N, C-alpha and C. Protein backbone atom coordinates (compact mmCIF):
# COMPACT_ATOMS: atom_id res chain seq x y z
N MET A 1 0.81 -7.61 -21.22
CA MET A 1 1.40 -8.84 -21.72
C MET A 1 0.34 -9.65 -22.45
N ASN A 2 0.70 -10.21 -23.57
CA ASN A 2 -0.21 -11.08 -24.30
C ASN A 2 0.05 -12.52 -23.90
N GLY A 3 -0.97 -13.32 -23.99
CA GLY A 3 -0.83 -14.73 -23.67
C GLY A 3 -2.19 -15.39 -23.61
N ALA A 4 -2.19 -16.67 -23.45
CA ALA A 4 -3.43 -17.44 -23.45
C ALA A 4 -4.39 -17.00 -22.35
N LEU A 5 -3.86 -16.46 -21.24
CA LEU A 5 -4.70 -16.05 -20.12
C LEU A 5 -4.78 -14.53 -19.97
N SER A 6 -4.50 -13.79 -21.04
CA SER A 6 -4.44 -12.33 -20.94
C SER A 6 -5.78 -11.69 -20.59
N HIS A 7 -6.86 -12.42 -20.69
CA HIS A 7 -8.19 -11.90 -20.34
C HIS A 7 -8.59 -12.23 -18.90
N ILE A 8 -7.68 -12.83 -18.13
CA ILE A 8 -7.96 -13.30 -16.77
C ILE A 8 -7.25 -12.41 -15.75
N ARG A 9 -7.94 -12.09 -14.65
CA ARG A 9 -7.35 -11.39 -13.50
C ARG A 9 -7.40 -12.34 -12.31
N VAL A 10 -6.25 -12.51 -11.63
CA VAL A 10 -6.13 -13.45 -10.52
C VAL A 10 -5.76 -12.67 -9.26
N LEU A 11 -6.46 -12.93 -8.19
CA LEU A 11 -6.12 -12.36 -6.89
C LEU A 11 -5.33 -13.42 -6.13
N ASP A 12 -4.05 -13.17 -5.91
CA ASP A 12 -3.14 -14.12 -5.27
C ASP A 12 -3.00 -13.77 -3.80
N LEU A 13 -3.59 -14.56 -2.92
CA LEU A 13 -3.50 -14.37 -1.48
C LEU A 13 -2.54 -15.37 -0.85
N SER A 14 -1.80 -16.07 -1.68
CA SER A 14 -0.91 -17.12 -1.19
C SER A 14 0.40 -16.55 -0.65
N ARG A 15 1.12 -17.41 0.04
CA ARG A 15 2.46 -17.06 0.49
C ARG A 15 3.25 -18.36 0.63
N VAL A 16 4.52 -18.30 0.43
CA VAL A 16 5.46 -19.40 0.62
C VAL A 16 5.25 -20.56 -0.37
N LEU A 17 6.18 -20.72 -1.23
CA LEU A 17 6.34 -21.83 -2.16
C LEU A 17 5.23 -22.08 -3.17
N ALA A 18 4.36 -23.05 -2.96
CA ALA A 18 3.46 -23.53 -4.00
C ALA A 18 2.51 -22.46 -4.54
N GLY A 19 1.90 -21.68 -3.66
CA GLY A 19 0.95 -20.66 -4.11
C GLY A 19 1.58 -19.60 -4.98
N PRO A 20 2.69 -18.97 -4.54
CA PRO A 20 3.35 -17.99 -5.40
C PRO A 20 3.84 -18.58 -6.72
N TRP A 21 4.27 -19.82 -6.68
CA TRP A 21 4.74 -20.45 -7.91
C TRP A 21 3.59 -20.65 -8.89
N ALA A 22 2.42 -21.06 -8.39
CA ALA A 22 1.25 -21.21 -9.25
C ALA A 22 0.86 -19.86 -9.85
N GLY A 23 0.90 -18.80 -9.03
CA GLY A 23 0.61 -17.46 -9.54
C GLY A 23 1.61 -17.02 -10.58
N GLN A 24 2.88 -17.39 -10.41
CA GLN A 24 3.93 -17.06 -11.38
C GLN A 24 3.61 -17.70 -12.72
N ILE A 25 3.20 -18.95 -12.70
CA ILE A 25 2.87 -19.65 -13.95
C ILE A 25 1.70 -18.96 -14.65
N LEU A 26 0.68 -18.57 -13.87
CA LEU A 26 -0.47 -17.87 -14.46
C LEU A 26 -0.03 -16.53 -15.07
N ALA A 27 0.86 -15.81 -14.38
CA ALA A 27 1.38 -14.54 -14.91
C ALA A 27 2.19 -14.79 -16.18
N ASP A 28 3.00 -15.84 -16.18
CA ASP A 28 3.79 -16.18 -17.37
C ASP A 28 2.89 -16.48 -18.57
N LEU A 29 1.70 -16.99 -18.31
CA LEU A 29 0.75 -17.30 -19.38
C LEU A 29 -0.12 -16.10 -19.75
N GLY A 30 0.15 -14.93 -19.13
CA GLY A 30 -0.50 -13.70 -19.54
C GLY A 30 -1.56 -13.16 -18.60
N ALA A 31 -1.91 -13.90 -17.55
CA ALA A 31 -2.92 -13.42 -16.60
C ALA A 31 -2.39 -12.21 -15.84
N GLU A 32 -3.29 -11.31 -15.46
CA GLU A 32 -2.94 -10.21 -14.57
C GLU A 32 -3.04 -10.76 -13.15
N VAL A 33 -1.93 -10.90 -12.47
CA VAL A 33 -1.90 -11.48 -11.13
C VAL A 33 -1.62 -10.38 -10.12
N ILE A 34 -2.54 -10.22 -9.18
CA ILE A 34 -2.41 -9.21 -8.14
C ILE A 34 -2.16 -9.95 -6.83
N LYS A 35 -0.95 -9.82 -6.32
CA LYS A 35 -0.56 -10.50 -5.07
C LYS A 35 -0.79 -9.56 -3.90
N VAL A 36 -1.51 -10.03 -2.89
CA VAL A 36 -1.79 -9.24 -1.70
C VAL A 36 -0.95 -9.78 -0.55
N GLU A 37 -0.20 -8.88 0.08
CA GLU A 37 0.68 -9.27 1.18
C GLU A 37 0.34 -8.48 2.44
N GLN A 38 0.76 -9.02 3.56
CA GLN A 38 0.57 -8.35 4.85
C GLN A 38 1.53 -7.17 4.94
N PRO A 39 1.04 -5.97 5.31
CA PRO A 39 1.94 -4.81 5.39
C PRO A 39 2.96 -4.97 6.51
N GLY A 40 4.14 -4.40 6.28
CA GLY A 40 5.18 -4.44 7.28
C GLY A 40 5.94 -5.76 7.31
N LYS A 41 5.36 -6.79 6.75
CA LYS A 41 6.00 -8.10 6.75
C LYS A 41 6.10 -8.65 5.34
N GLY A 42 5.01 -8.64 4.63
CA GLY A 42 5.01 -9.21 3.29
C GLY A 42 5.08 -10.72 3.33
N ASP A 43 5.42 -11.30 2.22
CA ASP A 43 5.57 -12.74 2.09
C ASP A 43 6.82 -13.18 2.86
N ASP A 44 6.73 -14.29 3.58
CA ASP A 44 7.88 -14.80 4.34
C ASP A 44 9.10 -15.04 3.46
N THR A 45 8.88 -15.37 2.20
CA THR A 45 10.01 -15.70 1.32
C THR A 45 10.84 -14.48 0.92
N ARG A 46 10.40 -13.27 1.26
CA ARG A 46 11.22 -12.08 0.99
C ARG A 46 12.59 -12.21 1.68
N ALA A 47 12.63 -12.90 2.81
CA ALA A 47 13.87 -13.01 3.58
C ALA A 47 14.59 -14.34 3.36
N TRP A 48 14.13 -15.15 2.43
CA TRP A 48 14.76 -16.45 2.19
C TRP A 48 16.01 -16.28 1.34
N GLY A 49 17.12 -16.09 1.96
CA GLY A 49 18.36 -15.91 1.22
C GLY A 49 19.52 -16.31 2.09
N PRO A 50 20.73 -16.20 1.60
CA PRO A 50 21.08 -15.68 0.30
C PRO A 50 20.70 -16.65 -0.81
N PRO A 51 20.69 -16.22 -2.04
CA PRO A 51 21.14 -14.93 -2.53
C PRO A 51 20.04 -13.87 -2.43
N TYR A 52 20.46 -12.63 -2.28
CA TYR A 52 19.57 -11.47 -2.25
C TYR A 52 19.85 -10.58 -3.46
N LEU A 53 18.85 -9.81 -3.84
CA LEU A 53 19.04 -8.79 -4.87
C LEU A 53 20.07 -7.79 -4.35
N GLN A 54 20.92 -7.32 -5.23
CA GLN A 54 21.92 -6.34 -4.82
C GLN A 54 21.53 -4.95 -5.32
N ASP A 55 21.88 -3.93 -4.54
CA ASP A 55 21.59 -2.55 -4.94
C ASP A 55 22.69 -2.03 -5.87
N GLU A 56 22.62 -0.75 -6.21
CA GLU A 56 23.58 -0.15 -7.14
C GLU A 56 25.03 -0.22 -6.65
N GLN A 57 25.23 -0.26 -5.34
CA GLN A 57 26.57 -0.34 -4.76
C GLN A 57 27.05 -1.79 -4.59
N GLY A 58 26.24 -2.75 -4.98
CA GLY A 58 26.62 -4.15 -4.85
C GLY A 58 26.33 -4.75 -3.50
N LEU A 59 25.56 -4.03 -2.67
CA LEU A 59 25.22 -4.54 -1.33
C LEU A 59 23.89 -5.29 -1.39
N ASP A 60 23.78 -6.33 -0.55
CA ASP A 60 22.55 -7.10 -0.49
C ASP A 60 21.40 -6.24 0.00
N THR A 61 20.22 -6.42 -0.61
CA THR A 61 18.99 -5.79 -0.13
C THR A 61 18.24 -6.82 0.70
N THR A 62 16.99 -6.55 1.04
CA THR A 62 16.19 -7.51 1.81
C THR A 62 15.31 -8.37 0.92
N GLU A 63 15.45 -8.26 -0.40
CA GLU A 63 14.64 -9.02 -1.35
C GLU A 63 15.41 -10.26 -1.80
N SER A 64 14.91 -11.44 -1.46
CA SER A 64 15.59 -12.67 -1.85
C SER A 64 15.36 -12.98 -3.32
N ALA A 65 16.30 -13.67 -3.90
CA ALA A 65 16.19 -14.08 -5.30
C ALA A 65 14.97 -15.00 -5.48
N TYR A 66 14.72 -15.87 -4.51
CA TYR A 66 13.56 -16.76 -4.61
C TYR A 66 12.27 -15.95 -4.69
N TYR A 67 12.10 -15.00 -3.78
CA TYR A 67 10.89 -14.18 -3.76
C TYR A 67 10.69 -13.47 -5.09
N LEU A 68 11.75 -12.87 -5.60
CA LEU A 68 11.65 -12.13 -6.85
C LEU A 68 11.31 -13.03 -8.03
N SER A 69 11.86 -14.23 -8.06
CA SER A 69 11.58 -15.12 -9.18
C SER A 69 10.18 -15.71 -9.09
N ALA A 70 9.73 -16.08 -7.89
CA ALA A 70 8.40 -16.69 -7.73
C ALA A 70 7.28 -15.68 -7.89
N ASN A 71 7.60 -14.40 -7.81
CA ASN A 71 6.55 -13.38 -7.91
C ASN A 71 6.75 -12.45 -9.10
N ARG A 72 7.57 -12.86 -10.05
CA ARG A 72 7.77 -12.03 -11.23
C ARG A 72 6.47 -11.87 -12.00
N GLY A 73 6.30 -10.71 -12.59
CA GLY A 73 5.11 -10.45 -13.41
C GLY A 73 3.86 -10.13 -12.62
N LYS A 74 3.96 -10.04 -11.29
CA LYS A 74 2.78 -9.77 -10.46
C LYS A 74 2.76 -8.31 -10.02
N LYS A 75 1.58 -7.84 -9.71
CA LYS A 75 1.41 -6.53 -9.09
C LYS A 75 1.26 -6.78 -7.60
N ILE A 76 2.13 -6.17 -6.80
CA ILE A 76 2.15 -6.44 -5.37
C ILE A 76 1.36 -5.39 -4.61
N ARG A 77 0.53 -5.82 -3.68
CA ARG A 77 -0.26 -4.94 -2.82
C ARG A 77 -0.02 -5.35 -1.37
N HIS A 78 -0.17 -4.38 -0.48
CA HIS A 78 -0.11 -4.69 0.95
C HIS A 78 -1.50 -4.54 1.53
N HIS A 79 -1.92 -5.54 2.28
CA HIS A 79 -3.25 -5.58 2.88
C HIS A 79 -3.22 -4.82 4.20
N ARG A 80 -4.21 -3.99 4.43
CA ARG A 80 -4.31 -3.28 5.71
C ARG A 80 -5.64 -3.60 6.36
N TYR A 81 -5.59 -3.92 7.62
CA TYR A 81 -6.81 -4.17 8.39
C TYR A 81 -6.95 -3.04 9.39
N HIS A 82 -8.13 -2.48 9.46
CA HIS A 82 -8.39 -1.38 10.38
C HIS A 82 -9.10 -1.93 11.62
N PRO A 83 -8.39 -2.07 12.76
CA PRO A 83 -9.02 -2.60 13.98
C PRO A 83 -10.25 -1.79 14.35
N GLY A 84 -11.27 -2.48 14.83
CA GLY A 84 -12.50 -1.80 15.24
C GLY A 84 -13.47 -1.59 14.10
N SER A 85 -13.12 -2.00 12.91
CA SER A 85 -14.04 -1.86 11.78
C SER A 85 -13.91 -3.09 10.90
N ARG A 86 -14.75 -3.15 9.92
CA ARG A 86 -14.68 -4.25 8.98
C ARG A 86 -14.02 -3.81 7.68
N THR A 87 -13.34 -2.70 7.72
CA THR A 87 -12.74 -2.13 6.52
C THR A 87 -11.36 -2.71 6.28
N ARG A 88 -11.13 -3.13 5.08
CA ARG A 88 -9.82 -3.58 4.65
C ARG A 88 -9.50 -2.84 3.36
N THR A 89 -8.29 -2.37 3.26
CA THR A 89 -7.89 -1.69 2.03
C THR A 89 -6.58 -2.27 1.54
N CYS A 90 -6.30 -2.04 0.31
CA CYS A 90 -5.04 -2.46 -0.27
C CYS A 90 -4.39 -1.25 -0.90
N SER A 91 -3.07 -1.17 -0.80
CA SER A 91 -2.36 -0.07 -1.42
C SER A 91 -1.19 -0.61 -2.23
N SER A 92 -0.84 0.10 -3.26
CA SER A 92 0.23 -0.33 -4.14
C SER A 92 1.59 -0.15 -3.48
N THR A 93 2.47 -1.10 -3.70
CA THR A 93 3.84 -0.98 -3.19
C THR A 93 4.83 -0.97 -4.33
N CYS A 94 4.36 -1.10 -5.55
CA CYS A 94 5.29 -1.07 -6.68
C CYS A 94 4.61 -0.45 -7.88
N GLN A 95 5.08 -0.71 -9.04
CA GLN A 95 4.70 -0.10 -10.30
C GLN A 95 3.29 0.47 -10.34
N PRO A 96 3.16 1.71 -10.87
CA PRO A 96 1.83 2.27 -11.06
C PRO A 96 1.07 1.42 -12.07
N ASP A 97 -0.16 1.10 -11.78
CA ASP A 97 -0.90 0.19 -12.66
C ASP A 97 -2.33 0.61 -12.92
N GLY A 98 -2.70 1.83 -12.57
CA GLY A 98 -4.04 2.30 -12.88
C GLY A 98 -5.08 1.99 -11.82
N TYR A 99 -4.72 1.29 -10.76
CA TYR A 99 -5.68 1.02 -9.70
C TYR A 99 -5.63 2.13 -8.67
N SER A 100 -6.76 2.47 -8.12
CA SER A 100 -6.80 3.43 -7.02
C SER A 100 -6.55 2.69 -5.72
N ALA A 101 -5.78 3.28 -4.83
CA ALA A 101 -5.53 2.65 -3.53
C ALA A 101 -6.85 2.38 -2.84
N GLY A 102 -7.02 1.21 -2.28
CA GLY A 102 -8.22 0.86 -1.56
C GLY A 102 -9.32 0.29 -2.41
N LYS A 103 -9.09 0.18 -3.71
CA LYS A 103 -10.13 -0.33 -4.61
C LYS A 103 -9.55 -1.41 -5.52
N PHE A 104 -10.30 -2.49 -5.69
CA PHE A 104 -9.94 -3.52 -6.67
C PHE A 104 -10.96 -3.52 -7.75
């Protein structure tokens, strides 16, 4: 995406309302925004509905419209913590983007 901030990469560690919205604005302006979420749970706003995204059969999914709109244009990662070590890795949960799992 081209834009005034297309040369900027942002690591978004926020969740719920203001932080994701700020990241959305940066993404809208062209920044590459990488949102890191807790695995198995993700951002709390994923469950803020209705309304929810509907699947091909017209049934509600678990993705709220708010979550999808506030995080549009971002690359989503899930954070993993390995108990007993200081190692943390991130893995992709959506679109392939050229990053290797575990590396930023």
